[in-house]
Amino acid sequence: SKYKDYSARVVQNAKYFAEKLYEQGFKVLAKKHGFTQTHQILIDVSEFGGGRKVADKLEEHDIIVNANALPAKDRNFKEVSGIRIGVQEMTLRGWGKKEFADLAKRMREVIQ
């Protein structure tokens, strides 16, 4: 079905994007599990000032992510160490490997 194909593409894109982010030097969580089994990617960005700072900086460049607490790392929700990225909207718009590889590079440029 159309929905099943879309859902499979979303997960494939999330895994591919997570790999590209990892190759760019990001601390993508759950590497031993293929980074993700869903539409979401979690990244520890504490070395760049934390999730809120990174999310704000990315938003200045029209890249929207969520600041996100990380399991076993964050004890409160005011200072969070991570960001969460979902790829379903980009997949719906026809994004594939080239676009996600380019976005991973762009995120590295913005955050560094």
PDB file of N, CA and C in Angstrom:
ATOM      1  N   SER A   1       0.831  -1.190   0.000  1.00  0.00           N
ATOM      2  CA  SER A   1       0.000   0.000   0.000  1.00  0.00           C
ATOM      3  C   SER A   1       0.877   1.257   0.000  1.00  0.00           C
ATOM      4  N   LYS A   2       0.271   2.343  -0.359  1.00  0.00           N
ATOM      5  CA  LYS A   2       0.971   3.628  -0.415  1.00  0.00           C
ATOM      6  C   LYS A   2       1.534   4.010   0.966  1.00  0.00           C
ATOM      7  N   TYR A   3       0.726   3.818   2.014  1.00  0.00           N
ATOM      8  CA  TYR A   3       1.154   4.160   3.370  1.00  0.00           C
ATOM      9  C   TYR A   3       2.310   3.287   3.836  1.00  0.00           C
ATOM     10  N   LYS A   4       2.251   1.990   3.506  1.00  0.00           N
ATOM     11  CA  LYS A   4       3.320   1.069   3.898  1.00  0.00           C
ATOM     12  C   LYS A   4       4.645   1.462   3.230  1.00  0.00           C
ATOM     13  N   ASP A   5       4.578   1.836   1.946  1.00  0.00           N
ATOM     14  CA  ASP A   5       5.779   2.269   1.223  1.00  0.00           C
ATOM     15  C   ASP A   5       6.358   3.530   1.849  1.00  0.00           C
ATOM     16  N   TYR A   6       5.487   4.485   2.148  1.00  0.00           N
ATOM     17  CA  TYR A   6       5.917   5.739   2.784  1.00  0.00           C
ATOM     18  C   TYR A   6       6.561   5.458   4.140  1.00  0.00           C
ATOM     19  N   SER A   7       5.926   4.610   4.946  1.00  0.00           N
ATOM     20  CA  SER A   7       6.456   4.285   6.271  1.00  0.00           C
ATOM     21  C   SER A   7       7.832   3.641   6.177  1.00  0.00           C
ATOM     22  N   ALA A   8       8.011   2.747   5.226  1.00  0.00           N
ATOM     23  CA  ALA A   8       9.309   2.095   5.034  1.00  0.00           C
ATOM     24  C   ALA A   8      10.364   3.114   4.606  1.00  0.00           C
ATOM     25  N   ARG A   9       9.995   4.043   3.710  1.00  0.00           N
ATOM     26  CA  ARG A   9      10.930   5.086   3.267  1.00  0.00           C
ATOM     27  C   ARG A   9      11.324   5.996   4.428  1.00  0.00           C
ATOM     28  N   VAL A  10      10.384   6.308   5.307  1.00  0.00           N
ATOM     29  CA  VAL A  10      10.669   7.155   6.463  1.00  0.00           C
ATOM     30  C   VAL A  10      11.759   6.509   7.323  1.00  0.00           C
ATOM     31  N   VAL A  11      11.601   5.232   7.638  1.00  0.00           N
ATOM     32  CA  VAL A  11      12.586   4.538   8.478  1.00  0.00           C
ATOM     33  C   VAL A  11      13.928   4.431   7.756  1.00  0.00           C
ATOM     34  N   GLN A  12      13.902   4.121   6.460  1.00  0.00           N
ATOM     35  CA  GLN A  12      15.157   4.057   5.685  1.00  0.00           C
ATOM     36  C   GLN A  12      15.860   5.414   5.702  1.00  0.00           C
ATOM     37  N   ASN A  13      15.103   6.485   5.498  1.00  0.00           N
ATOM     38  CA  ASN A  13      15.687   7.827   5.510  1.00  0.00           C
ATOM     39  C   ASN A  13      16.244   8.185   6.880  1.00  0.00           C
ATOM     40  N   ALA A  14      15.529   7.837   7.937  1.00  0.00           N
ATOM     41  CA  ALA A  14      16.004   8.135   9.291  1.00  0.00           C
ATOM     42  C   ALA A  14      17.326   7.412   9.559  1.00  0.00           C
ATOM     43  N   LYS A  15      17.408   6.147   9.189  1.00  0.00           N
ATOM     44  CA  LYS A  15      18.650   5.384   9.392  1.00  0.00           C
ATOM     45  C   LYS A  15      19.805   5.990   8.580  1.00  0.00           C
ATOM     46  N   TYR A  16      19.530   6.309   7.325  1.00  0.00           N
ATOM     47  CA  TYR A  16      20.564   6.885   6.459  1.00  0.00           C
ATOM     48  C   TYR A  16      21.025   8.247   6.991  1.00  0.00           C
ATOM     49  N   PHE A  17      20.083   9.101   7.352  1.00  0.00           N
ATOM     50  CA  PHE A  17      20.405  10.422   7.885  1.00  0.00           C
ATOM     51  C   PHE A  17      21.218  10.294   9.168  1.00  0.00           C
ATOM     52  N   ALA A  18      20.836   9.370  10.034  1.00  0.00           N
ATOM     53  CA  ALA A  18      21.582   9.147  11.282  1.00  0.00           C
ATOM     54  C   ALA A  18      23.022   8.725  10.979  1.00  0.00           C
ATOM     55  N   GLU A  19      23.212   7.855   9.999  1.00  0.00           N
ATOM     56  CA  GLU A  19      24.566   7.437   9.606  1.00  0.00           C
ATOM     57  C   GLU A  19      25.379   8.631   9.115  1.00  0.00           C
ATOM     58  N   LYS A  20      24.767   9.475   8.298  1.00  0.00           N
ATOM     59  CA  LYS A  20      25.464  10.648   7.759  1.00  0.00           C
ATOM     60  C   LYS A  20      25.798  11.636   8.878  1.00  0.00           C
ATOM     61  N   LEU A  21      24.897  11.818   9.824  1.00  0.00           N
ATOM     62  CA  LEU A  21      25.178  12.694  10.971  1.00  0.00           C
ATOM     63  C   LEU A  21      26.336  12.134  11.795  1.00  0.00           C
ATOM     64  N   TYR A  22      26.336  10.822  11.983  1.00  0.00           N
ATOM     65  CA  TYR A  22      27.420  10.155  12.709  1.00  0.00           C
ATOM     66  C   TYR A  22      28.750  10.357  11.971  1.00  0.00           C
ATOM     67  N   GLU A  23      28.734  10.215  10.654  1.00  0.00           N
ATOM     68  CA  GLU A  23      29.950  10.424   9.852  1.00  0.00           C
ATOM     69  C   GLU A  23      30.444  11.866   9.947  1.00  0.00           C
ATOM     70  N   GLN A  24      29.531  12.810  10.201  1.00  0.00           N
ATOM     71  CA  GLN A  24      29.909  14.217  10.362  1.00  0.00           C
ATOM     72  C   GLN A  24      30.437  14.502  11.772  1.00  0.00           C
ATOM     73  N   GLY A  25      30.488  13.468  12.615  1.00  0.00           N
ATOM     74  CA  GLY A  25      31.052  13.625  13.951  1.00  0.00           C
ATOM     75  C   GLY A  25      30.043  13.827  15.063  1.00  0.00           C
ATOM     76  N   PHE A  26      28.757  13.729  14.748  1.00  0.00           N
ATOM     77  CA  PHE A  26      27.746  13.878  15.793  1.00  0.00           C
ATOM     78  C   PHE A  26      27.642  12.604  16.626  1.00  0.00           C
ATOM     79  N   LYS A  27      27.310  12.776  17.903  1.00  0.00           N
ATOM     80  CA  LYS A  27      27.116  11.639  18.803  1.00  0.00           C
ATOM     81  C   LYS A  27      25.660  11.177  18.708  1.00  0.00           C
ATOM     82  N   VAL A  28      25.379  10.411  17.662  1.00  0.00           N
ATOM     83  CA  VAL A  28      24.034   9.884  17.428  1.00  0.00           C
ATOM     84  C   VAL A  28      23.843   8.688  18.357  1.00  0.00           C
ATOM     85  N   LEU A  29      22.742   8.678  19.095  1.00  0.00           N
ATOM     86  CA  LEU A  29      22.480   7.597  20.032  1.00  0.00           C
ATOM     87  C   LEU A  29      22.058   6.323  19.317  1.00  0.00           C
ATOM     88  N   ALA A  30      22.208   5.205  20.015  1.00  0.00           N
ATOM     89  CA  ALA A  30      21.733   3.872  19.601  1.00  0.00           C
ATOM     90  C   ALA A  30      22.443   3.315  18.373  1.00  0.00           C
ATOM     91  N   LYS A  31      23.743   3.600  18.243  1.00  0.00           N
ATOM     92  CA  LYS A  31      24.497   3.080  17.097  1.00  0.00           C
ATOM     93  C   LYS A  31      24.391   1.561  16.995  1.00  0.00           C
ATOM     94  N   LYS A  32      24.500   0.879  18.132  1.00  0.00           N
ATOM     95  CA  LYS A  32      24.476  -0.590  18.097  1.00  0.00           C
ATOM     96  C   LYS A  32      23.122  -1.150  17.654  1.00  0.00           C
ATOM     97  N   HIS A  33      22.097  -0.296  17.616  1.00  0.00           N
ATOM     98  CA  HIS A  33      20.769  -0.710  17.161  1.00  0.00           C
ATOM     99  C   HIS A  33      20.442  -0.116  15.785  1.00  0.00           C
ATOM    100  N   GLY A  34      21.474   0.298  15.051  1.00  0.00           N
ATOM    101  CA  GLY A  34      21.240   0.896  13.741  1.00  0.00           C
ATOM    102  C   GLY A  34      20.751   2.333  13.836  1.00  0.00           C
ATOM    103  N   PHE A  35      21.014   2.981  14.969  1.00  0.00           N
ATOM    104  CA  PHE A  35      20.675   4.376  15.265  1.00  0.00           C
ATOM    105  C   PHE A  35      19.197   4.608  15.525  1.00  0.00           C
ATOM    106  N   THR A  36      18.327   3.980  14.781  1.00  0.00           N
ATOM    107  CA  THR A  36      16.889   4.175  14.984  1.00  0.00           C
ATOM    108  C   THR A  36      16.117   3.031  14.341  1.00  0.00           C
ATOM    109  N   GLN A  37      14.929   2.814  14.849  1.00  0.00           N
ATOM    110  CA  GLN A  37      13.997   1.845  14.256  1.00  0.00           C
ATOM    111  C   GLN A  37      12.717   2.569  13.829  1.00  0.00           C
ATOM    112  N   THR A  38      12.715   3.904  13.959  1.00  0.00           N
ATOM    113  CA  THR A  38      11.513   4.692  13.693  1.00  0.00           C
ATOM    114  C   THR A  38      11.861   5.889  12.812  1.00  0.00           C
ATOM    115  N   HIS A  39      11.063   6.936  12.921  1.00  0.00           N
ATOM    116  CA  HIS A  39      11.250   8.174  12.158  1.00  0.00           C
ATOM    117  C   HIS A  39      12.157   9.162  12.887  1.00  0.00           C
ATOM    118  N   GLN A  40      12.574   8.829  14.107  1.00  0.00           N
ATOM    119  CA  GLN A  40      13.291   9.786  14.948  1.00  0.00           C
ATOM    120  C   GLN A  40      14.753   9.431  15.150  1.00  0.00           C
ATOM    121  N   ILE A  41      15.565  10.490  15.319  1.00  0.00           N
ATOM    122  CA  ILE A  41      16.993  10.358  15.602  1.00  0.00           C
ATOM    123  C   ILE A  41      17.275  11.194  16.838  1.00  0.00           C
ATOM    124  N   LEU A  42      18.025  10.641  17.782  1.00  0.00           N
ATOM    125  CA  LEU A  42      18.451  11.379  18.973  1.00  0.00           C
ATOM    126  C   LEU A  42      19.954  11.603  18.912  1.00  0.00           C
ATOM    127  N   ILE A  43      20.378  12.836  19.207  1.00  0.00           N
ATOM    128  CA  ILE A  43      21.793  13.190  19.164  1.00  0.00           C
ATOM    129  C   ILE A  43      22.178  13.889  20.465  1.00  0.00           C
ATOM    130  N   ASP A  44      23.296  13.474  21.051  1.00  0.00           N
ATOM    131  CA  ASP A  44      23.854  14.150  22.226  1.00  0.00           C
ATOM    132  C   ASP A  44      24.682  15.334  21.720  1.00  0.00           C
ATOM    133  N   VAL A  45      24.224  16.532  22.018  1.00  0.00           N
ATOM    134  CA  VAL A  45      24.922  17.749  21.582  1.00  0.00           C
ATOM    135  C   VAL A  45      25.449  18.546  22.770  1.00  0.00           C
ATOM    136  N   SER A  46      25.681  17.867  23.895  1.00  0.00           N
ATOM    137  CA  SER A  46      26.157  18.562  25.095  1.00  0.00           C
ATOM    138  C   SER A  46      27.490  19.264  24.845  1.00  0.00           C
ATOM    139  N   GLU A  47      28.328  18.711  23.972  1.00  0.00           N
ATOM    140  CA  GLU A  47      29.625  19.335  23.687  1.00  0.00           C
ATOM    141  C   GLU A  47      29.484  20.665  22.932  1.00  0.00           C
ATOM    142  N   PHE A  48      28.306  20.913  22.384  1.00  0.00           N
ATOM    143  CA  PHE A  48      28.055  22.160  21.644  1.00  0.00           C
ATOM    144  C   PHE A  48      27.187  23.134  22.437  1.00  0.00           C
ATOM    145  N   GLY A  49      27.004  22.870  23.725  1.00  0.00           N
ATOM    146  CA  GLY A  49      26.233  23.772  24.576  1.00  0.00           C
ATOM    147  C   GLY A  49      24.857  23.272  24.958  1.00  0.00           C
ATOM    148  N   GLY A  50      24.500  22.071  24.524  1.00  0.00           N
ATOM    149  CA  GLY A  50      23.223  21.489  24.913  1.00  0.00           C
ATOM    150  C   GLY A  50      22.139  21.636  23.862  1.00  0.00           C
ATOM    151  N   GLY A  51      21.032  20.947  24.118  1.00  0.00           N
ATOM    152  CA  GLY A  51      19.947  20.851  23.159  1.00  0.00           C
ATOM    153  C   GLY A  51      19.261  22.158  22.833  1.00  0.00           C
ATOM    154  N   ARG A  52      18.996  22.979  23.835  1.00  0.00           N
ATOM    155  CA  ARG A  52      18.278  24.233  23.564  1.00  0.00           C
ATOM    156  C   ARG A  52      19.137  25.192  22.734  1.00  0.00           C
ATOM    157  N   LYS A  53      20.408  25.299  23.088  1.00  0.00           N
ATOM    158  CA  LYS A  53      21.305  26.193  22.347  1.00  0.00           C
ATOM    159  C   LYS A  53      21.447  25.734  20.887  1.00  0.00           C
ATOM    160  N   VAL A  54      21.637  24.447  20.698  1.00  0.00           N
ATOM    161  CA  VAL A  54      21.803  23.901  19.347  1.00  0.00           C
ATOM    162  C   VAL A  54      20.510  24.039  18.544  1.00  0.00           C
ATOM    163  N   ALA A  55      19.366  23.739  19.161  1.00  0.00           N
ATOM    164  CA  ALA A  55      18.087  23.865  18.461  1.00  0.00           C
ATOM    165  C   ALA A  55      17.855  25.304  18.023  1.00  0.00           C
ATOM    166  N   ASP A  56      18.173  26.262  18.891  1.00  0.00           N
ATOM    167  CA  ASP A  56      18.004  27.681  18.548  1.00  0.00           C
ATOM    168  C   ASP A  56      18.927  28.083  17.399  1.00  0.00           C
ATOM    169  N   LYS A  57      20.175  27.611  17.467  1.00  0.00           N
ATOM    170  CA  LYS A  57      21.136  27.959  16.410  1.00  0.00           C
ATOM    171  C   LYS A  57      20.714  27.370  15.061  1.00  0.00           C
ATOM    172  N   LEU A  58      20.264  26.130  15.075  1.00  0.00           N
ATOM    173  CA  LEU A  58      19.791  25.506  13.833  1.00  0.00           C
ATOM    174  C   LEU A  58      18.565  26.232  13.293  1.00  0.00           C
ATOM    175  N   GLU A  59      17.652  26.640  14.184  1.00  0.00           N
ATOM    176  CA  GLU A  59      16.434  27.332  13.751  1.00  0.00           C
ATOM    177  C   GLU A  59      16.766  28.651  13.049  1.00  0.00           C
ATOM    178  N   GLU A  60      17.838  29.325  13.473  1.00  0.00           N
ATOM    179  CA  GLU A  60      18.279  30.551  12.802  1.00  0.00           C
ATOM    180  C   GLU A  60      18.617  30.292  11.330  1.00  0.00           C
ATOM    181  N   HIS A  61      18.894  29.027  10.996  1.00  0.00           N
ATOM    182  CA  HIS A  61      19.240  28.623   9.627  1.00  0.00           C
ATOM    183  C   HIS A  61      18.123  27.783   9.010  1.00  0.00           C
ATOM    184  N   ASP A  62      16.903  27.934   9.534  1.00  0.00           N
ATOM    185  CA  ASP A  62      15.718  27.244   9.016  1.00  0.00           C
ATOM    186  C   ASP A  62      15.787  25.722   9.100  1.00  0.00           C
ATOM    187  N   ILE A  63      16.500  25.211  10.087  1.00  0.00           N
ATOM    188  CA  ILE A  63      16.539  23.771  10.357  1.00  0.00           C
ATOM    189  C   ILE A  63      15.858  23.589  11.714  1.00  0.00           C
ATOM    190  N   ILE A  64      14.702  22.937  11.704  1.00  0.00           N
ATOM    191  CA  ILE A  64      13.902  22.826  12.915  1.00  0.00           C
ATOM    192  C   ILE A  64      14.077  21.443  13.535  1.00  0.00           C
ATOM    193  N   VAL A  65      14.543  21.424  14.786  1.00  0.00           N
ATOM    194  CA  VAL A  65      14.698  20.202  15.574  1.00  0.00           C
ATOM    195  C   VAL A  65      14.120  20.480  16.957  1.00  0.00           C
ATOM    196  N   ASN A  66      13.970  19.439  17.759  1.00  0.00           N
ATOM    197  CA  ASN A  66      13.497  19.597  19.129  1.00  0.00           C
ATOM    198  C   ASN A  66      14.658  19.438  20.102  1.00  0.00           C
ATOM    199  N   ALA A  67      14.763  20.362  21.068  1.00  0.00           N
ATOM    200  CA  ALA A  67      15.647  20.130  22.208  1.00  0.00           C
ATOM    201  C   ALA A  67      15.032  18.960  22.969  1.00  0.00           C
ATOM    202  N   ASN A  68      15.856  18.029  23.431  1.00  0.00           N
ATOM    203  CA  ASN A  68      15.307  16.812  24.009  1.00  0.00           C
ATOM    204  C   ASN A  68      16.183  16.294  25.143  1.00  0.00           C
ATOM    205  N   ALA A  69      15.550  15.904  26.235  1.00  0.00           N
ATOM    206  CA  ALA A  69      16.284  15.246  27.315  1.00  0.00           C
ATOM    207  C   ALA A  69      16.758  13.878  26.830  1.00  0.00           C
ATOM    208  N   LEU A  70      17.913  13.460  27.315  1.00  0.00           N
ATOM    209  CA  LEU A  70      18.453  12.162  26.927  1.00  0.00           C
ATOM    210  C   LEU A  70      18.329  11.183  28.084  1.00  0.00           C
ATOM    211  N   PRO A  71      17.947   9.948  27.785  1.00  0.00           N
ATOM    212  CA  PRO A  71      17.803   8.939  28.844  1.00  0.00           C
ATOM    213  C   PRO A  71      19.127   8.727  29.570  1.00  0.00           C
ATOM    214  N   ALA A  72      19.060   8.585  30.869  1.00  0.00           N
ATOM    215  CA  ALA A  72      20.218   8.280  31.727  1.00  0.00           C
ATOM    216  C   ALA A  72      21.247   9.397  31.782  1.00  0.00           C
ATOM    217  N   LYS A  73      21.000  10.527  31.129  1.00  0.00           N
ATOM    218  CA  LYS A  73      21.968  11.621  31.168  1.00  0.00           C
ATOM    219  C   LYS A  73      21.382  12.861  31.833  1.00  0.00           C
ATOM    220  N   ASP A  74      20.183  13.239  31.448  1.00  0.00           N
ATOM    221  CA  ASP A  74      19.577  14.471  31.945  1.00  0.00           C
ATOM    222  C   ASP A  74      18.692  14.199  33.151  1.00  0.00           C
ATOM    223  N   ARG A  75      18.941  14.946  34.212  1.00  0.00           N
ATOM    224  CA  ARG A  75      18.176  14.785  35.452  1.00  0.00           C
ATOM    225  C   ARG A  75      17.028  15.785  35.546  1.00  0.00           C
ATOM    226  N   ASN A  76      17.107  16.876  34.791  1.00  0.00           N
ATOM    227  CA  ASN A  76      15.999  17.825  34.787  1.00  0.00           C
ATOM    228  C   ASN A  76      15.731  18.221  33.340  1.00  0.00           C
ATOM    229  N   PHE A  77      14.638  18.920  33.129  1.00  0.00           N
ATOM    230  CA  PHE A  77      14.255  19.242  31.760  1.00  0.00           C
ATOM    231  C   PHE A  77      14.533  20.693  31.391  1.00  0.00           C
ATOM    232  N   LYS A  78      15.202  21.423  32.279  1.00  0.00           N
ATOM    233  CA  LYS A  78      15.585  22.804  31.954  1.00  0.00           C
ATOM    234  C   LYS A  78      16.856  22.811  31.121  1.00  0.00           C
ATOM    235  N   GLU A  79      17.784  21.944  31.487  1.00  0.00           N
ATOM    236  CA  GLU A  79      19.053  21.837  30.769  1.00  0.00           C
ATOM    237  C   GLU A  79      19.083  20.463  30.116  1.00  0.00           C
ATOM    238  N   VAL A  80      18.813  20.411  28.827  1.00  0.00           N
ATOM    239  CA  VAL A  80      18.795  19.121  28.143  1.00  0.00           C
ATOM    240  C   VAL A  80      20.023  18.980  27.250  1.00  0.00           C
ATOM    241  N   SER A  81      20.476  17.762  27.096  1.00  0.00           N
ATOM    242  CA  SER A  81      21.720  17.491  26.376  1.00  0.00           C
ATOM    243  C   SER A  81      21.536  17.133  24.913  1.00  0.00           C
ATOM    244  N   GLY A  82      20.302  16.908  24.508  1.00  0.00           N
ATOM    245  CA  GLY A  82      20.118  16.361  23.173  1.00  0.00           C
ATOM    246  C   GLY A  82      19.181  17.140  22.275  1.00  0.00           C
ATOM    247  N   ILE A  83      19.188  16.689  21.020  1.00  0.00           N
ATOM    248  CA  ILE A  83      18.191  17.135  20.054  1.00  0.00           C
ATOM    249  C   ILE A  83      17.547  15.891  19.448  1.00  0.00           C
ATOM    250  N   ARG A  84      16.302  16.073  19.023  1.00  0.00           N
ATOM    251  CA  ARG A  84      15.550  14.995  18.373  1.00  0.00           C
ATOM    252  C   ARG A  84      15.135  15.501  17.004  1.00  0.00           C
ATOM    253  N   ILE A  85      15.341  14.658  16.001  1.00  0.00           N
ATOM    254  CA  ILE A  85      15.008  15.013  14.626  1.00  0.00           C
ATOM    255  C   ILE A  85      14.069  13.950  14.070  1.00  0.00           C
ATOM    256  N   GLY A  86      13.005  14.392  13.423  1.00  0.00           N
ATOM    257  CA  GLY A  86      12.105  13.481  12.723  1.00  0.00           C
ATOM    258  C   GLY A  86      12.188  13.747  11.227  1.00  0.00           C
ATOM    259  N   VAL A  87      12.055  12.702  10.428  1.00  0.00           N
ATOM    260  CA  VAL A  87      12.253  12.857   8.976  1.00  0.00           C
ATOM    261  C   VAL A  87      10.982  12.638   8.154  1.00  0.00           C
ATOM    262  N   GLN A  88       9.834  12.487   8.812  1.00  0.00           N
ATOM    263  CA  GLN A  88       8.633  12.151   8.054  1.00  0.00           C
ATOM    264  C   GLN A  88       8.209  13.248   7.088  1.00  0.00           C
ATOM    265  N   GLU A  89       8.304  14.500   7.472  1.00  0.00           N
ATOM    266  CA  GLU A  89       7.884  15.593   6.576  1.00  0.00           C
ATOM    267  C   GLU A  89       8.818  15.694   5.364  1.00  0.00           C
ATOM    268  N   MET A  90      10.137  15.581   5.587  1.00  0.00           N
ATOM    269  CA  MET A  90      11.080  15.649   4.473  1.00  0.00           C
ATOM    270  C   MET A  90      10.878  14.467   3.522  1.00  0.00           C
ATOM    271  N   THR A  91      10.573  13.310   4.082  1.00  0.00           N
ATOM    272  CA  THR A  91      10.294  12.132   3.248  1.00  0.00           C
ATOM    273  C   THR A  91       9.046  12.363   2.409  1.00  0.00           C
ATOM    274  N   LEU A  92       8.019  12.930   3.018  1.00  0.00           N
ATOM    275  CA  LEU A  92       6.774  13.230   2.296  1.00  0.00           C
ATOM    276  C   LEU A  92       7.036  14.176   1.129  1.00  0.00           C
ATOM    277  N   ARG A  93       8.018  15.053   1.286  1.00  0.00           N
ATOM    278  CA  ARG A  93       8.371  16.011   0.231  1.00  0.00           C
ATOM    279  C   ARG A  93       9.345  15.431  -0.798  1.00  0.00           C
ATOM    280  N   GLY A  94       9.654  14.144  -0.663  1.00  0.00           N
ATOM    281  CA  GLY A  94      10.464  13.480  -1.681  1.00  0.00           C
ATOM    282  C   GLY A  94      11.966  13.463  -1.426  1.00  0.00           C
ATOM    283  N   TRP A  95      12.377  13.833  -0.207  1.00  0.00           N
ATOM    284  CA  TRP A  95      13.809  13.812   0.089  1.00  0.00           C
ATOM    285  C   TRP A  95      14.351  12.395   0.054  1.00  0.00           C
ATOM    286  N   GLY A  96      15.614  12.285  -0.373  1.00  0.00           N
ATOM    287  CA  GLY A  96      16.313  11.008  -0.419  1.00  0.00           C
ATOM    288  C   GLY A  96      17.742  11.179   0.077  1.00  0.00           C
ATOM    289  N   LYS A  97      18.605  10.267  -0.331  1.00  0.00           N
ATOM    290  CA  LYS A  97      19.975  10.224   0.193  1.00  0.00           C
ATOM    291  C   LYS A  97      20.742  11.525  -0.009  1.00  0.00           C
ATOM    292  N   LYS A  98      20.678  12.099  -1.196  1.00  0.00           N
ATOM    293  CA  LYS A  98      21.449  13.318  -1.465  1.00  0.00           C
ATOM    294  C   LYS A  98      21.044  14.447  -0.515  1.00  0.00           C
ATOM    295  N   GLU A  99      19.746  14.652  -0.364  1.00  0.00           N
ATOM    296  CA  GLU A  99      19.265  15.747   0.486  1.00  0.00           C
ATOM    297  C   GLU A  99      19.642  15.535   1.950  1.00  0.00           C
ATOM    298  N   PHE A 100      19.528  14.293   2.425  1.00  0.00           N
ATOM    299  CA  PHE A 100      19.876  14.032   3.819  1.00  0.00           C
ATOM    300  C   PHE A 100      21.386  14.125   4.046  1.00  0.00           C
ATOM    301  N   ALA A 101      22.189  13.700   3.104  1.00  0.00           N
ATOM    302  CA  ALA A 101      23.649  13.846   3.229  1.00  0.00           C
ATOM    303  C   ALA A 101      24.021  15.327   3.250  1.00  0.00           C
ATOM    304  N   ASP A 102      23.396  16.117   2.378  1.00  0.00           N
ATOM    305  CA  ASP A 102      23.653  17.559   2.355  1.00  0.00           C
ATOM    306  C   ASP A 102      23.238  18.218   3.667  1.00  0.00           C
ATOM    307  N   LEU A 103      22.095  17.815   4.209  1.00  0.00           N
ATOM    308  CA  LEU A 103      21.617  18.401   5.458  1.00  0.00           C
ATOM    309  C   LEU A 103      22.545  18.049   6.624  1.00  0.00           C
ATOM    310  N   ALA A 104      23.069  16.843   6.657  1.00  0.00           N
ATOM    311  CA  ALA A 104      24.003  16.460   7.721  1.00  0.00           C
ATOM    312  C   ALA A 104      25.242  17.359   7.683  1.00  0.00           C
ATOM    313  N   LYS A 105      25.759  17.612   6.495  1.00  0.00           N
ATOM    314  CA  LYS A 105      26.918  18.513   6.348  1.00  0.00           C
ATOM    315  C   LYS A 105      26.569  19.933   6.775  1.00  0.00           C
ATOM    316  N   ARG A 106      25.398  20.389   6.364  1.00  0.00           N
ATOM    317  CA  ARG A 106      24.961  21.747   6.699  1.00  0.00           C
ATOM    318  C   ARG A 106      24.790  21.908   8.214  1.00  0.00           C
ATOM    319  N   MET A 107      24.238  20.905   8.861  1.00  0.00           N
ATOM    320  CA  MET A 107      24.080  20.981  10.319  1.00  0.00           C
ATOM    321  C   MET A 107      25.431  21.075  11.007  1.00  0.00           C
ATOM    322  N   ARG A 108      26.400  20.329  10.521  1.00  0.00           N
ATOM    323  CA  ARG A 108      27.752  20.383  11.103  1.00  0.00           C
ATOM    324  C   ARG A 108      28.333  21.793  10.931  1.00  0.00           C
ATOM    325  N   GLU A 109      28.174  22.360   9.758  1.00  0.00           N
ATOM    326  CA  GLU A 109      28.695  23.721   9.498  1.00  0.00           C
ATOM    327  C   GLU A 109      28.046  24.742  10.441  1.00  0.00           C
ATOM    328  N   VAL A 110      26.745  24.646  10.626  1.00  0.00           N
ATOM    329  CA  VAL A 110      26.010  25.598  11.454  1.00  0.00           C
ATOM    330  C   VAL A 110      26.426  25.463  12.927  1.00  0.00           C
ATOM    331  N   ILE A 111      26.553  24.242  13.391  1.00  0.00           N
ATOM    332  CA  ILE A 111      26.800  24.019  14.821  1.00  0.00           C
ATOM    333  C   ILE A 111      28.252  24.278  15.218  1.00  0.00           C
ATOM    334  N   GLN A 112      29.185  24.030  14.324  1.00  0.00           N
ATOM    335  CA  GLN A 112      30.603  24.214  14.681  1.00  0.00           C
ATOM    336  C   GLN A 112      30.955  25.658  14.870  1.00  0.00           C
TER     337      GLN A 112
END
